[in-house]
Amino acid sequence: MKKLTPEAMTAMVQYARPGNVRELENTIERLVVLTEGNSISIEDLPENIPSGASPSCAN
């Protein structure tokens, strides 16, 4: 089972998701399939989810 690193989890939670739950589900599925190893780091996140994202500064 893969896990998000604390930094990746923070970025995912703080990202002001313009889509819906389906977008979140698709992002997680893509990360699980495409990343190597047992953890998903902030470097693995899509470019539209910036590191240190916050609801006020995310596009």
C-alpha atoms as a PDB file:
ATOM      1  CA  MET A   1       0.000   0.000   0.000  1.00  0.00           C
ATOM      2  CA  LYS A   2       1.327   3.454  -0.897  1.00  0.00           C
ATOM      3  CA  LYS A   3       1.192   6.396   1.464  1.00  0.00           C
ATOM      4  CA  LEU A   4       1.424  10.141   0.961  1.00  0.00           C
ATOM      5  CA  THR A   5       4.336  11.850   2.654  1.00  0.00           C
ATOM      6  CA  PRO A   6       3.277  14.561   5.140  1.00  0.00           C
ATOM      7  CA  GLU A   7       4.303  17.289   2.662  1.00  0.00           C
ATOM      8  CA  ALA A   8       2.306  15.719  -0.175  1.00  0.00           C
ATOM      9  CA  MET A   9      -0.715  15.282   2.105  1.00  0.00           C
ATOM     10  CA  THR A  10      -0.555  18.940   3.137  1.00  0.00           C
ATOM     11  CA  ALA A  11      -0.381  20.093  -0.495  1.00  0.00           C
ATOM     12  CA  MET A  12      -3.311  17.844  -1.471  1.00  0.00           C
ATOM     13  CA  VAL A  13      -5.464  19.025   1.436  1.00  0.00           C
ATOM     14  CA  GLN A  14      -4.700  22.728   0.929  1.00  0.00           C
ATOM     15  CA  TYR A  15      -5.178  22.691  -2.850  1.00  0.00           C
ATOM     16  CA  ALA A  16      -8.331  24.583  -3.845  1.00  0.00           C
ATOM     17  CA  ARG A  17      -9.651  21.838  -6.105  1.00  0.00           C
ATOM     18  CA  PRO A  18     -11.572  23.392  -9.015  1.00  0.00           C
ATOM     19  CA  GLY A  19     -13.152  20.045  -9.896  1.00  0.00           C
ATOM     20  CA  ASN A  20     -14.987  17.611  -7.713  1.00  0.00           C
ATOM     21  CA  VAL A  21     -14.444  14.349  -5.870  1.00  0.00           C
ATOM     22  CA  ARG A  22     -13.948  12.561  -9.194  1.00  0.00           C
ATOM     23  CA  GLU A  23     -10.927  14.777  -9.926  1.00  0.00           C
ATOM     24  CA  LEU A  24      -9.434  13.890  -6.531  1.00  0.00           C
ATOM     25  CA  GLU A  25     -10.103  10.197  -7.106  1.00  0.00           C
ATOM     26  CA  ASN A  26      -8.489  10.301 -10.563  1.00  0.00           C
ATOM     27  CA  THR A  27      -5.443  12.149  -9.205  1.00  0.00           C
ATOM     28  CA  ILE A  28      -4.936   9.582  -6.427  1.00  0.00           C
ATOM     29  CA  GLU A  29      -5.377   6.651  -8.828  1.00  0.00           C
ATOM     30  CA  ARG A  30      -2.860   8.159 -11.260  1.00  0.00           C
ATOM     31  CA  LEU A  31      -0.348   8.741  -8.463  1.00  0.00           C
ATOM     32  CA  VAL A  32      -0.684   5.166  -7.202  1.00  0.00           C
ATOM     33  CA  VAL A  33      -0.144   3.710 -10.672  1.00  0.00           C
ATOM     34  CA  LEU A  34       2.651   6.002 -11.856  1.00  0.00           C
ATOM     35  CA  THR A  35       4.847   6.403  -8.778  1.00  0.00           C
ATOM     36  CA  GLU A  36       7.525   3.924  -7.796  1.00  0.00           C
ATOM     37  CA  GLY A  37       8.127   2.816  -4.255  1.00  0.00           C
ATOM     38  CA  ASN A  38       5.781   2.820  -1.287  1.00  0.00           C
ATOM     39  CA  SER A  39       5.351   6.551  -0.801  1.00  0.00           C
ATOM     40  CA  ILE A  40       4.013   9.433  -2.863  1.00  0.00           C
ATOM     41  CA  SER A  41       6.083  12.560  -2.323  1.00  0.00           C
ATOM     42  CA  ILE A  42       5.419  16.170  -3.147  1.00  0.00           C
ATOM     43  CA  GLU A  43       7.628  15.797  -6.240  1.00  0.00           C
ATOM     44  CA  ASP A  44       5.188  13.173  -7.571  1.00  0.00           C
ATOM     45  CA  LEU A  45       2.168  15.484  -7.442  1.00  0.00           C
ATOM     46  CA  PRO A  46       0.822  17.001 -10.662  1.00  0.00           C
ATOM     47  CA  GLU A  47       2.135  20.446 -11.578  1.00  0.00           C
ATOM     48  CA  ASN A  48      -1.285  22.020 -10.954  1.00  0.00           C
ATOM     49  CA  ILE A  49      -0.884  21.203  -7.235  1.00  0.00           C
ATOM     50  CA  PRO A  50       1.966  23.467  -6.128  1.00  0.00           C
ATOM     51  CA  SER A  51       4.025  22.624  -3.078  1.00  0.00           C
ATOM     52  CA  GLY A  52       2.969  24.772  -0.193  1.00  0.00           C
ATOM     53  CA  ALA A  53      -0.410  25.345  -1.858  1.00  0.00           C
ATOM     54  CA  SER A  54      -2.981  27.271   0.045  1.00  0.00           C
ATOM     55  CA  PRO A  55      -6.626  27.898  -0.767  1.00  0.00           C
ATOM     56  CA  SER A  56      -5.945  31.597  -1.340  1.00  0.00           C
ATOM     57  CA  CYS A  57      -3.061  31.158  -3.793  1.00  0.00           C
ATOM     58  CA  ALA A  58      -3.977  28.023  -5.760  1.00  0.00           C
ATOM     59  CA  ASN A  59      -5.247  28.509  -9.303  1.00  0.00           C
END
